[in-house]
C-alpha cells in the first residue's frame, strides 16, 4: 500500500503531507493554546490538523520503511548510516505528533463551554492552563522532530 504511487516511490510524495501538515499543526496549536481570543477562529483548523498530521506522519513512516526495503535494503557505509539516522527520527516524530494531536483535541474540548456555563471553560481554568502548557511543549517537540527528520532525509538524499 505504501510502496508506489503511479509507478513512483510513494515516500518522496507522501512526506510532503507530513512536512506541511505537522508545522501547520504546531503553529495553529500554539496559537490556540496561547491566544484565547483566536480560539473561535482556529478551533476547526486545530481539529482537522490534529487528525490529518498524525495520519500523514504515519503514512510517511510506513512508506519510508517500504522504500528502504525495496531500494536500500543492501545499502552500506555512509549511505546506510544516513538512512539509519533519518529513520531514527520516524517513531519519535510519530509519537510526538500523536501526543500533540490528542492534547490539542483535549484542549479544544476543554475550552468549549458546557451548556450550563456561559463563557467558562468546561473543566475550569486550571485544566485549561495545564492542557495549554502540554500542547505548547508537545508542539515544540513535534517541531524539533519534524525538522530533524526532514533535514536528515534531505542529507541522506542530497549529500
C-alpha atoms as a PDB file:
ATOM      1  CA  UNK A   1       0.000   0.000   0.000  1.00  0.00           C
ATOM      2  CA  UNK A   2       2.835   2.414   0.815  1.00  0.00           C
ATOM      3  CA  UNK A   3       5.206   1.215  -1.926  1.00  0.00           C
ATOM      4  CA  UNK A   4       4.380   3.152  -5.071  1.00  0.00           C
ATOM      5  CA  UNK A   5       2.030   5.770  -6.450  1.00  0.00           C
ATOM      6  CA  UNK A   6       1.612   5.594 -10.217  1.00  0.00           C
ATOM      7  CA  UNK A   7       4.952   3.829 -10.572  1.00  0.00           C
ATOM      8  CA  UNK A   8       6.892   6.293  -8.404  1.00  0.00           C
ATOM      9  CA  UNK A   9       8.207   5.552  -4.921  1.00  0.00           C
ATOM     10  CA  UNK A  10       5.500   6.690  -2.504  1.00  0.00           C
ATOM     11  CA  UNK A  11       7.772   8.053   0.229  1.00  0.00           C
ATOM     12  CA  UNK A  12       9.030  11.180  -1.574  1.00  0.00           C
ATOM     13  CA  UNK A  13       5.437  12.015  -2.463  1.00  0.00           C
ATOM     14  CA  UNK A  14       3.849  11.268   0.924  1.00  0.00           C
ATOM     15  CA  UNK A  15       6.434  13.079   3.046  1.00  0.00           C
ATOM     16  CA  UNK A  16       5.264  16.396   1.682  1.00  0.00           C
ATOM     17  CA  UNK A  17       1.972  15.959   3.523  1.00  0.00           C
ATOM     18  CA  UNK A  18       3.816  15.323   6.797  1.00  0.00           C
ATOM     19  CA  UNK A  19       6.273  18.167   6.210  1.00  0.00           C
ATOM     20  CA  UNK A  20       3.456  20.644   5.572  1.00  0.00           C
ATOM     21  CA  UNK A  21       0.740  19.451   7.966  1.00  0.00           C
ATOM     22  CA  UNK A  22       2.952  18.945  11.032  1.00  0.00           C
ATOM     23  CA  UNK A  23       4.353  22.512  11.147  1.00  0.00           C
ATOM     24  CA  UNK A  24       0.849  23.837  10.463  1.00  0.00           C
ATOM     25  CA  UNK A  25      -0.456  21.841  13.426  1.00  0.00           C
ATOM     26  CA  UNK A  26       2.426  23.136  15.563  1.00  0.00           C
ATOM     27  CA  UNK A  27       1.679  26.779  14.729  1.00  0.00           C
ATOM     28  CA  UNK A  28      -2.104  26.527  14.998  1.00  0.00           C
ATOM     29  CA  UNK A  29      -1.975  24.526  18.244  1.00  0.00           C
ATOM     30  CA  UNK A  30       0.380  27.067  19.831  1.00  0.00           C
ATOM     31  CA  UNK A  31      -1.858  29.924  18.678  1.00  0.00           C
ATOM     32  CA  UNK A  32      -4.911  28.156  20.102  1.00  0.00           C
ATOM     33  CA  UNK A  33      -3.159  27.499  23.416  1.00  0.00           C
ATOM     34  CA  UNK A  34      -1.659  30.962  23.903  1.00  0.00           C
ATOM     35  CA  UNK A  35      -4.153  33.310  22.242  1.00  0.00           C
ATOM     36  CA  UNK A  36      -7.609  32.717  23.746  1.00  0.00           C
ATOM     37  CA  UNK A  37      -9.332  35.324  21.588  1.00  0.00           C
ATOM     38  CA  UNK A  38      -8.297  33.408  18.436  1.00  0.00           C
ATOM     39  CA  UNK A  39      -9.804  30.125  19.662  1.00  0.00           C
ATOM     40  CA  UNK A  40     -13.163  30.597  17.970  1.00  0.00           C
ATOM     41  CA  UNK A  41     -11.476  31.234  14.619  1.00  0.00           C
ATOM     42  CA  UNK A  42      -8.878  28.448  14.667  1.00  0.00           C
ATOM     43  CA  UNK A  43     -10.652  25.635  16.505  1.00  0.00           C
ATOM     44  CA  UNK A  44     -11.711  23.976  13.236  1.00  0.00           C
ATOM     45  CA  UNK A  45      -8.100  24.046  11.965  1.00  0.00           C
ATOM     46  CA  UNK A  46      -6.806  22.542  15.206  1.00  0.00           C
ATOM     47  CA  UNK A  47      -9.310  19.701  14.977  1.00  0.00           C
ATOM     48  CA  UNK A  48      -8.638  18.936  11.305  1.00  0.00           C
ATOM     49  CA  UNK A  49      -4.854  19.176  11.624  1.00  0.00           C
ATOM     50  CA  UNK A  50      -4.881  17.102  14.827  1.00  0.00           C
ATOM     51  CA  UNK A  51      -6.373  14.283  12.772  1.00  0.00           C
ATOM     52  CA  UNK A  52      -4.537  14.815   9.475  1.00  0.00           C
ATOM     53  CA  UNK A  53      -0.956  15.427  10.660  1.00  0.00           C
ATOM     54  CA  UNK A  54      -0.551  12.155  12.599  1.00  0.00           C
ATOM     55  CA  UNK A  55      -2.064  10.253   9.663  1.00  0.00           C
ATOM     56  CA  UNK A  56       0.393  11.922   7.288  1.00  0.00           C
ATOM     57  CA  UNK A  57       3.366  11.159   9.544  1.00  0.00           C
ATOM     58  CA  UNK A  58       2.230   7.537   9.873  1.00  0.00           C
ATOM     59  CA  UNK A  59       1.940   7.209   6.093  1.00  0.00           C
ATOM     60  CA  UNK A  60       5.380   8.802   5.647  1.00  0.00           C
ATOM     61  CA  UNK A  61       6.912   6.406   8.153  1.00  0.00           C
ATOM     62  CA  UNK A  62       5.345   3.352   6.543  1.00  0.00           C
ATOM     63  CA  UNK A  63       6.289   4.447   3.035  1.00  0.00           C
ATOM     64  CA  UNK A  64       9.834   5.061   4.234  1.00  0.00           C
ATOM     65  CA  UNK A  65      10.012   1.504   5.542  1.00  0.00           C
ATOM     66  CA  UNK A  66       8.787   0.239   2.171  1.00  0.00           C
ATOM     67  CA  UNK A  67      11.278   2.397   0.275  1.00  0.00           C
ATOM     68  CA  UNK A  68      14.155   1.222   2.437  1.00  0.00           C
ATOM     69  CA  UNK A  69      13.220  -2.426   1.962  1.00  0.00           C
ATOM     70  CA  UNK A  70      12.707  -2.075  -1.797  1.00  0.00           C
ATOM     71  CA  UNK A  71      15.631   0.135  -2.774  1.00  0.00           C
ATOM     72  CA  UNK A  72      18.092   0.481   0.086  1.00  0.00           C
ATOM     73  CA  UNK A  73      17.988  -2.882   1.865  1.00  0.00           C
ATOM     74  CA  UNK A  74      21.575  -3.598   0.888  1.00  0.00           C
ATOM     75  CA  UNK A  75      22.947  -0.089   1.425  1.00  0.00           C
ATOM     76  CA  UNK A  76      26.270   0.014   3.215  1.00  0.00           C
ATOM     77  CA  UNK A  77      28.696   2.522   4.615  1.00  0.00           C
ATOM     78  CA  UNK A  78      27.874   6.204   4.749  1.00  0.00           C
ATOM     79  CA  UNK A  79      24.574   5.838   2.875  1.00  0.00           C
ATOM     80  CA  UNK A  80      23.350   3.211   5.367  1.00  0.00           C
ATOM     81  CA  UNK A  81      24.371   5.461   8.256  1.00  0.00           C
ATOM     82  CA  UNK A  82      22.476   8.441   6.786  1.00  0.00           C
ATOM     83  CA  UNK A  83      19.383   6.312   6.194  1.00  0.00           C
ATOM     84  CA  UNK A  84      19.600   4.938   9.728  1.00  0.00           C
ATOM     85  CA  UNK A  85      19.876   8.460  11.159  1.00  0.00           C
ATOM     86  CA  UNK A  86      16.874   9.580   9.141  1.00  0.00           C
ATOM     87  CA  UNK A  87      14.890   6.504  10.152  1.00  0.00           C
ATOM     88  CA  UNK A  88      15.693   7.062  13.833  1.00  0.00           C
ATOM     89  CA  UNK A  89      13.513  10.188  13.846  1.00  0.00           C
ATOM     90  CA  UNK A  90      10.391   8.468  12.459  1.00  0.00           C
ATOM     91  CA  UNK A  91       8.994   6.952  15.652  1.00  0.00           C
ATOM     92  CA  UNK A  92       9.710   9.946  17.936  1.00  0.00           C
ATOM     93  CA  UNK A  93       8.093  12.203  15.334  1.00  0.00           C
ATOM     94  CA  UNK A  94       5.026   9.988  15.098  1.00  0.00           C
ATOM     95  CA  UNK A  95       4.665   9.731  18.882  1.00  0.00           C
ATOM     96  CA  UNK A  96       5.120  13.471  19.433  1.00  0.00           C
ATOM     97  CA  UNK A  97       2.637  14.395  16.681  1.00  0.00           C
ATOM     98  CA  UNK A  98       0.124  11.868  18.039  1.00  0.00           C
ATOM     99  CA  UNK A  99       0.575  13.340  21.509  1.00  0.00           C
ATOM    100  CA  UNK A 100       0.195  16.868  20.164  1.00  0.00           C
ATOM    101  CA  UNK A 101      -2.938  15.875  18.271  1.00  0.00           C
ATOM    102  CA  UNK A 102      -4.518  14.346  21.371  1.00  0.00           C
ATOM    103  CA  UNK A 103      -3.511  17.247  23.623  1.00  0.00           C
ATOM    104  CA  UNK A 104      -4.803  19.808  21.123  1.00  0.00           C
ATOM    105  CA  UNK A 105      -8.114  17.972  20.730  1.00  0.00           C
ATOM    106  CA  UNK A 106      -8.490  17.780  24.504  1.00  0.00           C
ATOM    107  CA  UNK A 107      -7.700  21.491  24.757  1.00  0.00           C
ATOM    108  CA  UNK A 108     -10.366  22.333  22.188  1.00  0.00           C
ATOM    109  CA  UNK A 109     -12.887  20.186  24.062  1.00  0.00           C
ATOM    110  CA  UNK A 110     -11.919  21.660  27.436  1.00  0.00           C
ATOM    111  CA  UNK A 111     -12.231  25.245  26.240  1.00  0.00           C
ATOM    112  CA  UNK A 112     -15.673  24.764  24.751  1.00  0.00           C
ATOM    113  CA  UNK A 113     -18.178  25.980  27.331  1.00  0.00           C
ATOM    114  CA  UNK A 114     -20.586  23.425  28.720  1.00  0.00           C
ATOM    115  CA  UNK A 115     -24.283  24.152  28.230  1.00  0.00           C
ATOM    116  CA  UNK A 116     -24.737  25.286  31.819  1.00  0.00           C
ATOM    117  CA  UNK A 117     -21.656  27.547  31.892  1.00  0.00           C
ATOM    118  CA  UNK A 118     -21.721  30.679  29.811  1.00  0.00           C
ATOM    119  CA  UNK A 119     -18.251  31.799  28.797  1.00  0.00           C
ATOM    120  CA  UNK A 120     -16.354  29.493  31.166  1.00  0.00           C
ATOM    121  CA  UNK A 121     -14.087  26.604  30.289  1.00  0.00           C
ATOM    122  CA  UNK A 122     -15.683  23.195  30.575  1.00  0.00           C
ATOM    123  CA  UNK A 123     -13.353  21.875  33.315  1.00  0.00           C
ATOM    124  CA  UNK A 124     -12.102  25.109  34.825  1.00  0.00           C
ATOM    125  CA  UNK A 125      -9.132  27.395  34.331  1.00  0.00           C
ATOM    126  CA  UNK A 126      -6.547  25.064  35.888  1.00  0.00           C
ATOM    127  CA  UNK A 127      -7.253  22.256  33.400  1.00  0.00           C
ATOM    128  CA  UNK A 128      -7.107  24.710  30.511  1.00  0.00           C
ATOM    129  CA  UNK A 129      -3.739  26.062  31.678  1.00  0.00           C
ATOM    130  CA  UNK A 130      -2.302  22.548  32.082  1.00  0.00           C
ATOM    131  CA  UNK A 131      -3.573  21.432  28.672  1.00  0.00           C
ATOM    132  CA  UNK A 132      -2.285  24.645  27.099  1.00  0.00           C
ATOM    133  CA  UNK A 133       1.185  24.100  28.574  1.00  0.00           C
ATOM    134  CA  UNK A 134       1.199  20.461  27.479  1.00  0.00           C
ATOM    135  CA  UNK A 135       0.140  21.475  23.982  1.00  0.00           C
ATOM    136  CA  UNK A 136       2.911  24.063  23.693  1.00  0.00           C
ATOM    137  CA  UNK A 137       5.557  21.602  24.934  1.00  0.00           C
ATOM    138  CA  UNK A 138       4.389  18.849  22.552  1.00  0.00           C
ATOM    139  CA  UNK A 139       4.263  21.371  19.717  1.00  0.00           C
ATOM    140  CA  UNK A 140       7.895  22.283  20.371  1.00  0.00           C
ATOM    141  CA  UNK A 141       8.902  18.614  20.478  1.00  0.00           C
ATOM    142  CA  UNK A 142       6.977  17.892  17.266  1.00  0.00           C
ATOM    143  CA  UNK A 143       8.560  20.890  15.575  1.00  0.00           C
ATOM    144  CA  UNK A 144      12.007  19.679  16.593  1.00  0.00           C
ATOM    145  CA  UNK A 145      11.436  16.161  15.286  1.00  0.00           C
ATOM    146  CA  UNK A 146       9.837  17.220  12.015  1.00  0.00           C
ATOM    147  CA  UNK A 147      12.828  19.479  11.374  1.00  0.00           C
ATOM    148  CA  UNK A 148      15.351  16.779  12.287  1.00  0.00           C
ATOM    149  CA  UNK A 149      13.539  14.178  10.218  1.00  0.00           C
ATOM    150  CA  UNK A 150      13.326  16.419   7.167  1.00  0.00           C
ATOM    151  CA  UNK A 151      16.902  17.622   7.489  1.00  0.00           C
ATOM    152  CA  UNK A 152      18.330  14.130   7.893  1.00  0.00           C
ATOM    153  CA  UNK A 153      16.230  12.883   4.973  1.00  0.00           C
ATOM    154  CA  UNK A 154      17.463  15.677   2.731  1.00  0.00           C
ATOM    155  CA  UNK A 155      21.042  14.987   3.798  1.00  0.00           C
ATOM    156  CA  UNK A 156      20.587  11.267   3.082  1.00  0.00           C
ATOM    157  CA  UNK A 157      19.381  12.016  -0.426  1.00  0.00           C
ATOM    158  CA  UNK A 158      21.464  15.029  -1.410  1.00  0.00           C
ATOM    159  CA  UNK A 159      24.771  14.610   0.444  1.00  0.00           C
END
